[in-house]
Amino acid sequence: MTSLTRLAVAACGRVYVIAVAHVMWIAGTLAGGVVLGLGPATVAVRGAVRAGMAEVSARDTAREFMRRYRDTFWRTASCWLVLQLGGCAIVVATLIGAVPPGIVGIVVRAALLSGAIVVMLCVTMWSSAAELLDLPAAPLRSIRTVTLYSIARFPLTLVMVGAHVVALLAVVQLPALLVIVGPAMMVCAVDPLERRSAKWNDVSAPLTRSAHREEGVA
């Protein structure tokens, strides 16, 4: 088998893993009635794609998805339900123009804008935070934790928001892209950005060097 053939086989295997992950993502979303299933499926598909890519195995992808989906369903679903209700309330209040005049109106607009930013940050960065942090069980505390995580890793958050906006605009222009933009985005955008963000946000190395210097002086 030539190197070109091996490369083609490996590429086909990875495409198959992404396809299986996407089917699982859609099935998980529908199983939760979309409203409850979207969050858990989005969180589960990331680890599933990573496991499937490691072995280029569709079986590992499906098995890891089911495990993660089952383990995190109720905690993630409740948090995402709060986010969805908050987002809907913000959209409705904006559309009907329910903003009083004067100082009170300024405060209401600021509150709506702040709420919209929190919802956007949480939706964008939830799967990343769920991978790295032990999120609290209470929905509001989880949302607070993810929001603080998004602010702490602001360079990554900014780039991720841009990537999601580009993906959304692409789907609006060509709806057929919806069949690949989910798990494929995890592989092609999210994980590489996460690895690069370690250089932007890693403070452990300087702290370690500082500790070593202090020990040396002592």
Protein backbone atom coordinates (compact mmCIF):
# COMPACT_ATOMS: atom_id res chain seq x y z
CA MET A 1 0.00 0.00 0.00
CA THR A 2 1.47 3.34 -1.04
CA SER A 3 1.64 6.37 1.22
CA LEU A 4 -1.02 8.07 -0.88
CA THR A 5 -3.34 5.09 -0.50
CA ARG A 6 -2.78 4.99 3.25
CA LEU A 7 -3.53 8.70 3.45
CA ALA A 8 -6.76 8.22 1.46
CA VAL A 9 -7.86 5.31 3.68
CA ALA A 10 -7.13 7.30 6.84
CA ALA A 11 -9.03 10.30 5.48
CA CYS A 12 -12.05 8.13 4.61
CA GLY A 13 -11.96 6.62 8.10
CA ARG A 14 -11.99 10.07 9.70
CA VAL A 15 -14.84 11.23 7.48
CA TYR A 16 -16.78 8.12 8.50
CA VAL A 17 -16.16 8.85 12.18
CA ILE A 18 -17.45 12.41 11.71
CA ALA A 19 -20.52 11.11 9.86
CA VAL A 20 -21.31 8.64 12.66
CA ALA A 21 -20.81 11.36 15.28
CA HIS A 22 -23.17 13.64 13.41
CA VAL A 23 -25.86 10.95 13.22
CA MET A 24 -25.47 10.39 16.97
CA TRP A 25 -25.64 14.15 17.56
CA ILE A 26 -28.91 14.43 15.63
CA ALA A 27 -30.34 11.33 17.33
CA GLY A 28 -29.39 12.64 20.78
CA THR A 29 -30.92 16.04 20.04
CA LEU A 30 -34.17 14.49 18.83
CA ALA A 31 -34.26 12.01 21.74
CA GLY A 32 -34.36 14.96 24.13
CA GLY A 33 -37.11 16.70 22.18
CA VAL A 34 -34.58 19.19 20.74
CA VAL A 35 -35.05 21.64 23.62
CA LEU A 36 -33.64 19.26 26.24
CA GLY A 37 -31.47 17.18 23.91
CA LEU A 38 -29.42 19.86 22.16
CA GLY A 39 -27.14 20.67 25.10
CA PRO A 40 -26.31 17.10 26.17
CA ALA A 41 -25.78 16.02 22.55
CA THR A 42 -23.45 18.95 21.88
CA VAL A 43 -21.40 18.18 24.99
CA ALA A 44 -21.29 14.43 24.30
CA VAL A 45 -20.32 14.66 20.64
CA ARG A 46 -17.03 16.37 21.35
CA GLY A 47 -15.57 13.54 23.44
CA ALA A 48 -17.13 11.01 21.07
CA VAL A 49 -15.34 12.49 18.05
CA ARG A 50 -12.05 12.58 19.94
CA ALA A 51 -12.40 8.92 20.99
CA GLY A 52 -13.38 7.86 17.50
CA MET A 53 -10.49 9.71 15.89
CA ALA A 54 -7.98 8.13 18.27
CA GLU A 55 -8.83 4.65 16.98
CA VAL A 56 -10.51 5.68 13.69
CA SER A 57 -13.45 3.63 14.94
CA ALA A 58 -17.14 4.37 14.45
CA ARG A 59 -17.96 1.90 17.25
CA ASP A 60 -15.82 3.85 19.74
CA THR A 61 -17.49 7.05 18.58
CA ALA A 62 -21.01 5.72 19.20
CA ARG A 63 -20.07 4.06 22.49
CA GLU A 64 -18.40 7.19 23.88
CA PHE A 65 -21.29 9.37 22.76
CA MET A 66 -23.86 7.20 24.51
CA ARG A 67 -21.81 7.12 27.72
CA ARG A 68 -21.32 10.86 27.86
CA TYR A 69 -24.88 11.63 26.77
CA ARG A 70 -26.34 9.39 29.48
CA ASP A 71 -24.01 10.65 32.24
CA THR A 72 -24.50 14.37 31.61
CA PHE A 73 -28.05 14.52 30.26
CA TRP A 74 -30.06 15.91 33.16
CA ARG A 75 -27.41 18.31 34.44
CA THR A 76 -26.67 19.78 31.01
CA ALA A 77 -30.30 19.75 29.86
CA SER A 78 -31.46 21.76 32.86
CA CYS A 79 -28.73 24.36 32.36
CA TRP A 80 -29.42 24.70 28.66
CA LEU A 81 -33.15 24.99 29.36
CA VAL A 82 -32.44 28.00 31.57
CA LEU A 83 -30.26 29.50 28.82
CA GLN A 84 -32.92 28.90 26.17
CA LEU A 85 -35.66 30.44 28.30
CA GLY A 86 -33.45 33.44 29.05
CA GLY A 87 -32.56 33.84 25.39
CA CYS A 88 -36.22 33.63 24.34
CA ALA A 89 -37.18 36.23 26.97
CA ILE A 90 -34.48 38.59 25.67
CA VAL A 91 -35.60 38.13 22.05
CA VAL A 92 -39.29 38.64 22.90
CA ALA A 93 -38.57 41.75 24.99
CA THR A 94 -36.46 43.19 22.18
CA LEU A 95 -39.01 42.44 19.44
CA ILE A 96 -42.02 43.88 21.25
CA GLY A 97 -40.01 46.92 22.34
CA ALA A 98 -40.81 46.47 26.02
CA VAL A 99 -38.29 49.11 27.08
CA PRO A 100 -39.55 52.13 29.05
CA PRO A 101 -38.14 55.60 28.36
CA GLY A 102 -35.61 57.47 30.44
CA ILE A 103 -33.11 56.11 32.95
CA VAL A 104 -35.18 52.98 33.53
CA GLY A 105 -35.02 52.24 29.80
CA ILE A 106 -31.22 52.52 29.80
CA VAL A 107 -31.02 50.09 32.72
CA VAL A 108 -33.39 47.65 30.98
CA ARG A 109 -31.39 47.82 27.73
CA ALA A 110 -28.15 47.21 29.64
CA ALA A 111 -29.73 44.22 31.38
CA LEU A 112 -30.97 42.77 28.08
CA LEU A 113 -27.57 43.25 26.45
CA SER A 114 -25.79 41.66 29.43
CA GLY A 115 -28.16 38.71 29.35
CA ALA A 116 -27.65 38.23 25.62
CA ILE A 117 -23.86 38.27 26.08
CA VAL A 118 -24.04 35.69 28.87
CA VAL A 119 -26.25 33.39 26.79
CA MET A 120 -23.93 33.72 23.79
CA LEU A 121 -20.78 33.03 25.84
CA CYS A 122 -22.29 30.02 27.59
CA VAL A 123 -23.64 28.43 24.41
CA THR A 124 -20.32 28.97 22.64
CA MET A 125 -18.02 27.74 25.40
CA TRP A 126 -20.13 25.15 27.23
CA SER A 127 -18.60 22.03 25.67
CA SER A 128 -15.10 23.36 26.34
CA ALA A 129 -15.90 24.11 29.98
CA ALA A 130 -17.63 20.75 30.43
CA GLU A 131 -14.48 19.00 29.19
CA LEU A 132 -12.13 20.80 31.58
CA LEU A 133 -14.20 21.70 34.65
CA ASP A 134 -16.34 19.84 37.15
CA LEU A 135 -19.45 21.97 36.67
CA PRO A 136 -21.84 22.38 39.63
CA ALA A 137 -25.16 20.56 39.52
CA ALA A 138 -27.25 23.70 40.08
CA PRO A 139 -28.08 25.32 36.70
CA LEU A 140 -27.44 28.92 37.75
CA ARG A 141 -24.12 28.04 39.37
CA SER A 142 -23.09 26.11 36.25
CA ILE A 143 -23.97 29.08 34.04
CA ARG A 144 -21.96 31.35 36.32
CA THR A 145 -18.98 29.00 36.18
CA VAL A 146 -19.05 28.77 32.39
CA THR A 147 -19.40 32.55 32.08
CA LEU A 148 -16.33 33.12 34.27
CA TYR A 149 -14.45 30.46 32.33
CA SER A 150 -15.32 32.24 29.07
CA ILE A 151 -14.03 35.54 30.42
CA ALA A 152 -10.86 33.96 31.80
CA ARG A 153 -10.08 32.42 28.40
CA PHE A 154 -11.15 35.49 26.46
CA PRO A 155 -8.82 35.06 23.44
CA LEU A 156 -10.21 31.58 22.81
CA THR A 157 -13.77 32.77 23.46
CA LEU A 158 -13.40 35.60 20.96
CA VAL A 159 -12.07 33.31 18.24
CA MET A 160 -14.72 30.67 18.99
CA VAL A 161 -17.52 33.23 18.72
CA GLY A 162 -16.13 34.24 15.34
CA ALA A 163 -15.96 30.61 14.21
CA HIS A 164 -19.57 30.00 15.22
CA VAL A 165 -20.75 33.17 13.48
CA VAL A 166 -18.98 32.11 10.28
CA ALA A 167 -20.50 28.62 10.53
CA LEU A 168 -23.98 30.08 11.11
CA LEU A 169 -23.69 32.43 8.14
CA ALA A 170 -22.46 29.55 5.96
CA VAL A 171 -25.46 27.41 6.95
CA VAL A 172 -27.85 30.28 6.24
CA GLN A 173 -26.37 30.63 2.75
CA LEU A 174 -26.16 26.89 2.12
CA PRO A 175 -28.46 24.86 4.44
CA ALA A 176 -26.94 21.59 3.19
CA LEU A 177 -23.85 22.40 5.29
CA LEU A 178 -25.92 21.65 8.38
CA VAL A 179 -25.21 17.94 7.89
CA ILE A 180 -21.47 18.44 8.50
CA VAL A 181 -20.98 21.67 10.42
CA GLY A 182 -21.52 20.14 13.89
CA PRO A 183 -18.99 17.40 14.67
CA ALA A 184 -16.81 18.47 11.74
CA MET A 185 -16.42 21.85 13.38
CA MET A 186 -15.33 20.11 16.58
CA VAL A 187 -12.52 18.39 14.70
CA CYS A 188 -11.46 21.18 12.34
CA ALA A 189 -11.93 24.22 14.56
CA VAL A 190 -12.67 23.63 18.24
CA ASP A 191 -9.91 21.21 19.25
CA PRO A 192 -7.10 22.97 17.31
CA LEU A 193 -8.19 26.28 18.83
CA GLU A 194 -8.23 24.71 22.29
CA ARG A 195 -4.67 23.46 21.85
CA ARG A 196 -3.50 26.85 20.61
CA SER A 197 -5.29 28.62 23.45
CA ALA A 198 -3.09 26.81 25.95
CA LYS A 199 -0.28 29.14 24.87
CA TRP A 200 -2.54 32.18 25.31
CA ASN A 201 -3.85 31.27 28.74
CA ASP A 202 -1.28 29.01 30.39
CA VAL A 203 0.06 30.61 33.57
CA SER A 204 1.29 27.39 35.16
CA ALA A 205 4.70 27.49 33.48
CA PRO A 206 5.65 31.01 34.68
CA LEU A 207 4.34 30.24 38.15
CA THR A 208 6.35 27.04 38.25
CA ARG A 209 9.53 28.82 37.17
CA SER A 210 8.93 31.50 39.81
CA ALA A 211 8.47 28.82 42.48
CA HIS A 212 11.72 27.14 41.43
CA ARG A 213 13.59 30.44 41.64
CA GLU A 214 12.22 31.07 45.13
CA GLU A 215 13.29 27.58 46.21
CA GLY A 216 16.74 28.21 44.79
CA VAL A 217 17.07 31.45 46.70
CA ALA A 218 15.92 29.74 49.89
